[in-house]
Amino acid sequence: MTALESVRSRHASLLEMISDLRAMLKPEILTIKPNAKLAYETICALSDKMKDHLAKEDAGLYPRLLTHENPQVKSIAWGFINGEKPLRKMFDDYHKKWLKNCDFNFTAEFLGDTNEMLEMLESRIDRERTVLLPKLEQIGVFSARAQA
């Protein structure tokens, strides 16, 4: 699998989880304890999967881009690396606030914060899909079969 295919596969998996969560995060569904538990577990899994996605990009994608001879590639890479900082902070803050106690208390504030997190993730994935990957593909960065 090429680096491009690997990133796209992770994007598809993350977006599927986000879609599943959006369907679950309704007050009438969350009043049923097994549904609440499944939603909570899915949020935790999404968090882990997104952290893994970012780590794989940090280890396998960005080093190649930062050493690329094209300054535009380096600039794009730095933009996305800098864009990770607020995303990582949001994950850490969200986890500390909502996921550490396993209480499955789906308050309006929790649902608001969760929807905000999901929107931020979707936005990041959309930017990678519509800005980063097409530009790198156009420049030819993904011509090698290296993993990202």
N, C-alpha and C. Protein backbone atom coordinates (compact mmCIF):
# COMPACT_ATOMS: atom_id res chain seq x y z
N MET A 1 0.86 -1.18 0.00
CA MET A 1 0.00 0.00 0.00
C MET A 1 0.90 1.23 0.00
N THR A 2 0.59 2.19 -0.86
CA THR A 2 1.39 3.41 -0.91
C THR A 2 1.06 4.30 0.28
N ALA A 3 1.91 5.28 0.51
CA ALA A 3 1.67 6.23 1.60
C ALA A 3 0.33 6.93 1.39
N LEU A 4 0.05 7.30 0.17
CA LEU A 4 -1.21 7.97 -0.14
C LEU A 4 -2.41 7.08 0.18
N GLU A 5 -2.34 5.83 -0.23
CA GLU A 5 -3.42 4.89 0.06
C GLU A 5 -3.59 4.67 1.55
N SER A 6 -2.48 4.62 2.27
CA SER A 6 -2.52 4.42 3.72
C SER A 6 -3.24 5.59 4.40
N VAL A 7 -2.88 6.80 4.02
CA VAL A 7 -3.52 7.99 4.61
C VAL A 7 -5.00 8.01 4.26
N ARG A 8 -5.32 7.73 3.02
CA ARG A 8 -6.74 7.73 2.60
C ARG A 8 -7.54 6.65 3.33
N SER A 9 -6.93 5.51 3.55
CA SER A 9 -7.60 4.45 4.28
C SER A 9 -7.89 4.87 5.72
N ARG A 10 -6.91 5.50 6.36
CA ARG A 10 -7.13 5.99 7.73
C ARG A 10 -8.21 7.07 7.75
N HIS A 11 -8.21 7.93 6.74
CA HIS A 11 -9.26 8.96 6.66
C HIS A 11 -10.64 8.31 6.59
N ALA A 12 -10.78 7.32 5.73
CA ALA A 12 -12.08 6.65 5.56
C ALA A 12 -12.54 6.02 6.87
N SER A 13 -11.62 5.37 7.57
CA SER A 13 -11.95 4.73 8.84
C SER A 13 -12.38 5.76 9.88
N LEU A 14 -11.63 6.86 9.98
CA LEU A 14 -11.97 7.92 10.93
C LEU A 14 -13.32 8.55 10.62
N LEU A 15 -13.57 8.82 9.35
CA LEU A 15 -14.83 9.44 8.96
C LEU A 15 -16.02 8.51 9.22
N GLU A 16 -15.80 7.21 9.05
CA GLU A 16 -16.86 6.23 9.34
C GLU A 16 -17.19 6.24 10.84
N MET A 17 -16.16 6.30 11.67
CA MET A 17 -16.38 6.35 13.11
C MET A 17 -17.11 7.63 13.52
N ILE A 18 -16.73 8.76 12.91
CA ILE A 18 -17.40 10.03 13.20
C ILE A 18 -18.86 9.95 12.81
N SER A 19 -19.14 9.38 11.66
CA SER A 19 -20.52 9.22 11.20
C SER A 19 -21.32 8.34 12.16
N ASP A 20 -20.73 7.25 12.60
CA ASP A 20 -21.39 6.36 13.56
C ASP A 20 -21.69 7.10 14.86
N LEU A 21 -20.72 7.88 15.32
CA LEU A 21 -20.92 8.63 16.57
C LEU A 21 -22.03 9.65 16.44
N ARG A 22 -22.06 10.35 15.33
CA ARG A 22 -23.13 11.35 15.13
C ARG A 22 -24.50 10.69 15.22
N ALA A 23 -24.61 9.47 14.71
CA ALA A 23 -25.89 8.75 14.78
C ALA A 23 -26.22 8.34 16.21
N MET A 24 -25.20 8.06 17.01
CA MET A 24 -25.41 7.61 18.39
C MET A 24 -25.64 8.76 19.37
N LEU A 25 -25.11 9.93 19.08
CA LEU A 25 -25.12 11.03 20.04
C LEU A 25 -26.42 11.81 20.02
N LYS A 26 -27.47 11.11 20.31
CA LYS A 26 -28.80 11.70 20.41
C LYS A 26 -29.34 11.36 21.80
N PRO A 27 -29.89 12.35 22.49
CA PRO A 27 -30.34 12.11 23.87
C PRO A 27 -31.23 10.88 24.03
N GLU A 28 -32.15 10.66 23.09
CA GLU A 28 -33.06 9.52 23.22
C GLU A 28 -32.34 8.19 23.07
N ILE A 29 -31.25 8.17 22.34
CA ILE A 29 -30.46 6.94 22.18
C ILE A 29 -29.56 6.74 23.40
N LEU A 30 -29.02 7.83 23.92
CA LEU A 30 -28.07 7.75 25.03
C LEU A 30 -28.71 7.45 26.38
N THR A 31 -30.02 7.53 26.47
CA THR A 31 -30.68 7.20 27.73
C THR A 31 -30.65 5.69 28.00
N ILE A 32 -30.39 4.91 26.98
CA ILE A 32 -30.28 3.46 27.12
C ILE A 32 -28.81 3.14 27.43
N LYS A 33 -28.56 2.58 28.61
CA LYS A 33 -27.20 2.36 29.10
C LYS A 33 -26.27 1.64 28.11
N PRO A 34 -26.69 0.54 27.47
CA PRO A 34 -25.77 -0.11 26.52
C PRO A 34 -25.39 0.81 25.36
N ASN A 35 -26.34 1.64 24.91
CA ASN A 35 -26.03 2.59 23.85
C ASN A 35 -25.03 3.64 24.33
N ALA A 36 -25.23 4.11 25.56
CA ALA A 36 -24.33 5.11 26.14
C ALA A 36 -22.92 4.52 26.26
N LYS A 37 -22.85 3.27 26.70
CA LYS A 37 -21.55 2.61 26.85
C LYS A 37 -20.87 2.46 25.48
N LEU A 38 -21.62 2.05 24.48
CA LEU A 38 -21.07 1.89 23.13
C LEU A 38 -20.60 3.24 22.58
N ALA A 39 -21.38 4.29 22.80
CA ALA A 39 -20.98 5.62 22.34
C ALA A 39 -19.68 6.05 23.01
N TYR A 40 -19.60 5.82 24.31
CA TYR A 40 -18.41 6.17 25.06
C TYR A 40 -17.19 5.40 24.53
N GLU A 41 -17.36 4.11 24.34
CA GLU A 41 -16.25 3.28 23.84
C GLU A 41 -15.84 3.71 22.43
N THR A 42 -16.81 4.10 21.62
CA THR A 42 -16.51 4.56 20.26
C THR A 42 -15.75 5.87 20.29
N ILE A 43 -16.12 6.76 21.20
CA ILE A 43 -15.39 8.02 21.35
C ILE A 43 -13.94 7.74 21.76
N CYS A 44 -13.75 6.83 22.69
CA CYS A 44 -12.39 6.47 23.13
C CYS A 44 -11.60 5.86 21.97
N ALA A 45 -12.24 4.99 21.21
CA ALA A 45 -11.57 4.36 20.07
C ALA A 45 -11.22 5.39 19.00
N LEU A 46 -12.13 6.33 18.76
CA LEU A 46 -11.87 7.39 17.79
C LEU A 46 -10.68 8.23 18.24
N SER A 47 -10.64 8.55 19.50
CA SER A 47 -9.53 9.33 20.05
C SER A 47 -8.21 8.60 19.83
N ASP A 48 -8.19 7.32 20.15
CA ASP A 48 -6.97 6.52 19.96
C ASP A 48 -6.59 6.44 18.49
N LYS A 49 -7.57 6.25 17.63
CA LYS A 49 -7.31 6.11 16.20
C LYS A 49 -6.79 7.42 15.61
N MET A 50 -7.34 8.55 16.07
CA MET A 50 -6.87 9.83 15.56
C MET A 50 -5.45 10.11 16.04
N LYS A 51 -5.17 9.79 17.30
CA LYS A 51 -3.80 9.97 17.80
C LYS A 51 -2.83 9.09 17.01
N ASP A 52 -3.24 7.88 16.68
CA ASP A 52 -2.41 6.97 15.88
C ASP A 52 -2.18 7.55 14.48
N HIS A 53 -3.23 8.09 13.89
CA HIS A 53 -3.14 8.70 12.56
C HIS A 53 -2.11 9.84 12.58
N LEU A 54 -2.22 10.71 13.58
CA LEU A 54 -1.28 11.84 13.67
C LEU A 54 0.15 11.34 13.91
N ALA A 55 0.30 10.32 14.74
CA ALA A 55 1.63 9.78 15.02
C ALA A 55 2.24 9.17 13.75
N LYS A 56 1.44 8.46 12.97
CA LYS A 56 1.94 7.87 11.72
C LYS A 56 2.35 8.96 10.74
N GLU A 57 1.59 10.04 10.70
CA GLU A 57 1.97 11.15 9.83
C GLU A 57 3.28 11.77 10.32
N ASP A 58 3.38 11.96 11.64
CA ASP A 58 4.60 12.55 12.20
C ASP A 58 5.83 11.68 11.93
N ALA A 59 5.65 10.36 11.98
CA ALA A 59 6.79 9.46 11.81
C ALA A 59 7.08 9.14 10.35
N GLY A 60 6.05 8.99 9.54
CA GLY A 60 6.27 8.48 8.18
C GLY A 60 6.05 9.47 7.06
N LEU A 61 5.29 10.50 7.29
CA LEU A 61 4.95 11.43 6.21
C LEU A 61 5.74 12.72 6.31
N TYR A 62 5.65 13.39 7.45
CA TYR A 62 6.24 14.73 7.56
C TYR A 62 7.77 14.76 7.45
N PRO A 63 8.50 13.78 7.98
CA PRO A 63 9.95 13.84 7.79
C PRO A 63 10.34 13.89 6.31
N ARG A 64 9.65 13.10 5.48
CA ARG A 64 9.91 13.12 4.03
C ARG A 64 9.60 14.49 3.44
N LEU A 65 8.51 15.09 3.92
CA LEU A 65 8.11 16.37 3.36
C LEU A 65 9.04 17.50 3.80
N LEU A 66 9.50 17.43 5.04
CA LEU A 66 10.36 18.49 5.56
C LEU A 66 11.76 18.46 4.94
N THR A 67 12.14 17.34 4.36
CA THR A 67 13.45 17.25 3.71
C THR A 67 13.33 17.33 2.19
N HIS A 68 12.12 17.56 1.69
CA HIS A 68 11.90 17.64 0.25
C HIS A 68 12.58 18.88 -0.33
N GLU A 69 13.07 18.77 -1.56
CA GLU A 69 13.78 19.90 -2.17
C GLU A 69 12.85 21.06 -2.54
N ASN A 70 11.57 20.80 -2.69
CA ASN A 70 10.61 21.84 -3.06
C ASN A 70 10.19 22.61 -1.80
N PRO A 71 10.47 23.92 -1.75
CA PRO A 71 10.11 24.71 -0.56
C PRO A 71 8.60 24.76 -0.32
N GLN A 72 7.81 24.61 -1.38
CA GLN A 72 6.35 24.61 -1.22
C GLN A 72 5.91 23.37 -0.43
N VAL A 73 6.54 22.25 -0.66
CA VAL A 73 6.23 21.02 0.08
C VAL A 73 6.57 21.21 1.56
N LYS A 74 7.74 21.78 1.82
CA LYS A 74 8.14 22.04 3.21
C LYS A 74 7.14 22.97 3.89
N SER A 75 6.71 23.99 3.18
CA SER A 75 5.76 24.96 3.74
C SER A 75 4.42 24.30 4.06
N ILE A 76 3.94 23.47 3.17
CA ILE A 76 2.68 22.75 3.40
C ILE A 76 2.82 21.85 4.63
N ALA A 77 3.94 21.15 4.71
CA ALA A 77 4.17 20.25 5.85
C ALA A 77 4.16 21.03 7.16
N TRP A 78 4.89 22.15 7.20
CA TRP A 78 4.92 22.93 8.43
C TRP A 78 3.54 23.45 8.80
N GLY A 79 2.75 23.84 7.81
CA GLY A 79 1.39 24.29 8.08
C GLY A 79 0.54 23.21 8.74
N PHE A 80 0.65 21.99 8.24
CA PHE A 80 -0.13 20.90 8.83
C PHE A 80 0.43 20.47 10.18
N ILE A 81 1.74 20.51 10.33
CA ILE A 81 2.33 20.18 11.64
C ILE A 81 1.87 21.19 12.67
N ASN A 82 1.92 22.46 12.34
CA ASN A 82 1.46 23.50 13.27
C ASN A 82 -0.03 23.39 13.55
N GLY A 83 -0.79 22.91 12.58
CA GLY A 83 -2.23 22.72 12.76
C GLY A 83 -2.56 21.57 13.70
N GLU A 84 -1.59 20.68 13.94
CA GLU A 84 -1.81 19.56 14.86
C GLU A 84 -1.86 20.02 16.31
N LYS A 85 -1.15 21.08 16.63
CA LYS A 85 -1.03 21.51 18.02
C LYS A 85 -2.40 21.77 18.66
N PRO A 86 -3.27 22.58 18.05
CA PRO A 86 -4.58 22.78 18.68
C PRO A 86 -5.42 21.50 18.72
N LEU A 87 -5.26 20.65 17.73
CA LEU A 87 -6.00 19.39 17.70
C LEU A 87 -5.56 18.48 18.84
N ARG A 88 -4.27 18.37 19.05
CA ARG A 88 -3.75 17.54 20.15
C ARG A 88 -4.18 18.11 21.50
N LYS A 89 -4.13 19.43 21.65
CA LYS A 89 -4.55 20.07 22.90
C LYS A 89 -6.03 19.81 23.15
N MET A 90 -6.84 19.92 22.10
CA MET A 90 -8.26 19.67 22.23
C MET A 90 -8.51 18.23 22.69
N PHE A 91 -7.80 17.27 22.11
CA PHE A 91 -7.93 15.87 22.52
C PHE A 91 -7.56 15.69 23.98
N ASP A 92 -6.43 16.27 24.39
CA ASP A 92 -5.99 16.13 25.78
C ASP A 92 -7.01 16.74 26.74
N ASP A 93 -7.46 17.95 26.43
CA ASP A 93 -8.45 18.62 27.28
C ASP A 93 -9.75 17.84 27.34
N TYR A 94 -10.20 17.36 26.20
CA TYR A 94 -11.45 16.59 26.11
C TYR A 94 -11.33 15.32 26.95
N HIS A 95 -10.20 14.62 26.80
CA HIS A 95 -10.02 13.37 27.54
C HIS A 95 -10.02 13.63 29.04
N LYS A 96 -9.29 14.64 29.47
CA LYS A 96 -9.24 14.96 30.91
C LYS A 96 -10.61 15.33 31.45
N LYS A 97 -11.38 16.05 30.66
CA LYS A 97 -12.68 16.52 31.12
C LYS A 97 -13.75 15.44 31.07
N TRP A 98 -13.76 14.62 30.01
CA TRP A 98 -14.91 13.75 29.78
C TRP A 98 -14.64 12.25 29.85
N LEU A 99 -13.44 11.80 29.57
CA LEU A 99 -13.24 10.36 29.39
C LEU A 99 -12.53 9.66 30.54
N LYS A 100 -11.99 10.39 31.48
CA LYS A 100 -11.18 9.74 32.52
C LYS A 100 -12.00 9.00 33.56
N ASN A 101 -13.25 9.36 33.78
CA ASN A 101 -14.02 8.75 34.87
C ASN A 101 -14.99 7.66 34.45
N CYS A 102 -15.18 7.47 33.16
CA CYS A 102 -16.07 6.41 32.65
C CYS A 102 -17.46 6.46 33.26
N ASP A 103 -18.04 7.65 33.39
CA ASP A 103 -19.35 7.72 34.03
C ASP A 103 -20.52 7.73 33.04
N PHE A 104 -20.25 7.80 31.77
CA PHE A 104 -21.30 7.78 30.73
C PHE A 104 -22.38 8.82 30.99
N ASN A 105 -22.00 9.97 31.48
CA ASN A 105 -22.95 11.05 31.76
C ASN A 105 -22.99 11.98 30.56
N PHE A 106 -23.95 11.77 29.69
CA PHE A 106 -24.03 12.50 28.43
C PHE A 106 -24.88 13.76 28.61
N THR A 107 -24.29 14.76 29.26
CA THR A 107 -24.97 16.03 29.48
C THR A 107 -24.97 16.85 28.20
N ALA A 108 -25.72 17.95 28.20
CA ALA A 108 -25.73 18.85 27.06
C ALA A 108 -24.33 19.42 26.81
N GLU A 109 -23.60 19.70 27.89
CA GLU A 109 -22.23 20.22 27.75
C GLU A 109 -21.32 19.18 27.10
N PHE A 110 -21.45 17.91 27.55
CA PHE A 110 -20.66 16.84 26.96
C PHE A 110 -20.97 16.70 25.47
N LEU A 111 -22.25 16.68 25.14
CA LEU A 111 -22.64 16.54 23.73
C LEU A 111 -22.12 17.71 22.91
N GLY A 112 -22.17 18.91 23.46
CA GLY A 112 -21.65 20.09 22.76
C GLY A 112 -20.16 19.98 22.52
N ASP A 113 -19.42 19.61 23.57
CA ASP A 113 -17.98 19.45 23.43
C ASP A 113 -17.63 18.33 22.46
N THR A 114 -18.39 17.25 22.51
CA THR A 114 -18.14 16.12 21.61
C THR A 114 -18.40 16.52 20.16
N ASN A 115 -19.50 17.20 19.92
CA ASN A 115 -19.78 17.64 18.55
C ASN A 115 -18.73 18.62 18.05
N GLU A 116 -18.24 19.48 18.93
CA GLU A 116 -17.16 20.40 18.57
C GLU A 116 -15.90 19.62 18.20
N MET A 117 -15.59 18.58 18.98
CA MET A 117 -14.43 17.74 18.69
C MET A 117 -14.59 17.05 17.34
N LEU A 118 -15.79 16.50 17.09
CA LEU A 118 -16.03 15.80 15.83
C LEU A 118 -15.89 16.75 14.64
N GLU A 119 -16.39 17.97 14.79
CA GLU A 119 -16.26 18.96 13.72
C GLU A 119 -14.80 19.31 13.47
N MET A 120 -14.02 19.42 14.54
CA MET A 120 -12.61 19.73 14.39
C MET A 120 -11.89 18.59 13.67
N LEU A 121 -12.23 17.36 14.01
CA LEU A 121 -11.62 16.20 13.34
C LEU A 121 -12.01 16.16 11.87
N GLU A 122 -13.28 16.34 11.59
CA GLU A 122 -13.73 16.34 10.20
C GLU A 122 -13.05 17.44 9.40
N SER A 123 -12.89 18.60 10.00
CA SER A 123 -12.24 19.71 9.33
C SER A 123 -10.78 19.36 9.02
N ARG A 124 -10.09 18.76 9.98
CA ARG A 124 -8.69 18.38 9.77
C ARG A 124 -8.58 17.34 8.65
N ILE A 125 -9.43 16.32 8.70
CA ILE A 125 -9.40 15.28 7.67
C ILE A 125 -9.73 15.88 6.31
N ASP A 126 -10.73 16.76 6.27
CA ASP A 126 -11.10 17.41 5.01
C ASP A 126 -9.94 18.22 4.44
N ARG A 127 -9.22 18.95 5.30
CA ARG A 127 -8.07 19.73 4.83
C ARG A 127 -6.97 18.81 4.31
N GLU A 128 -6.76 17.69 4.98
CA GLU A 128 -5.75 16.75 4.49
C GLU A 128 -6.17 16.18 3.14
N ARG A 129 -7.45 15.84 3.02
CA ARG A 129 -7.96 15.23 1.78
C ARG A 129 -7.99 16.21 0.62
N THR A 130 -8.33 17.47 0.90
CA THR A 130 -8.54 18.42 -0.20
C THR A 130 -7.36 19.35 -0.45
N VAL A 131 -6.46 19.50 0.51
CA VAL A 131 -5.32 20.40 0.34
C VAL A 131 -4.00 19.62 0.31
N LEU A 132 -3.72 18.91 1.40
CA LEU A 132 -2.42 18.25 1.54
C LEU A 132 -2.21 17.15 0.49
N LEU A 133 -3.08 16.17 0.48
CA LEU A 133 -2.86 15.01 -0.40
C LEU A 133 -2.86 15.38 -1.88
N PRO A 134 -3.84 16.16 -2.37
CA PRO A 134 -3.79 16.52 -3.79
C PRO A 134 -2.53 17.30 -4.18
N LYS A 135 -2.09 18.19 -3.31
CA LYS A 135 -0.88 18.97 -3.60
C LYS A 135 0.34 18.06 -3.65
N LEU A 136 0.44 17.16 -2.68
CA LEU A 136 1.58 16.25 -2.66
C LEU A 136 1.55 15.29 -3.84
N GLU A 137 0.36 14.87 -4.20
CA GLU A 137 0.21 13.99 -5.36
C GLU A 137 0.61 14.73 -6.64
N GLN A 138 0.19 15.98 -6.75
CA GLN A 138 0.51 16.81 -7.92
C GLN A 138 2.02 17.01 -8.04
N ILE A 139 2.68 17.24 -6.93
CA ILE A 139 4.12 17.49 -6.92
C ILE A 139 4.90 16.19 -7.14
N GLY A 140 4.27 15.07 -6.86
CA GLY A 140 4.92 13.78 -7.08
C GLY A 140 5.56 13.21 -5.83
N VAL A 141 5.20 13.75 -4.67
CA VAL A 141 5.79 13.26 -3.42
C VAL A 141 5.41 11.82 -3.17
N PHE A 142 4.25 11.40 -3.59
CA PHE A 142 3.77 10.04 -3.31
C PHE A 142 4.12 9.05 -4.42
N SER A 143 5.09 9.36 -5.23
CA SER A 143 5.44 8.43 -6.29
C SER A 143 6.16 7.19 -5.74
N ALA A 144 6.87 7.35 -4.62
CA ALA A 144 7.51 6.20 -3.98
C ALA A 144 6.48 5.43 -3.17
N ARG A 145 6.74 4.17 -2.92
CA ARG A 145 5.78 3.33 -2.20
C ARG A 145 6.07 3.30 -0.71
N ALA A 146 6.53 4.42 -0.16
CA ALA A 146 6.83 4.48 1.28
C ALA A 146 5.54 4.59 2.07
N GLN A 147 5.58 4.04 3.27
CA GLN A 147 4.42 4.09 4.16
C GLN A 147 4.38 5.41 4.90
N ALA A 148 3.18 5.92 5.14
CA ALA A 148 3.00 7.12 5.98
C ALA A 148 2.38 6.73 7.28
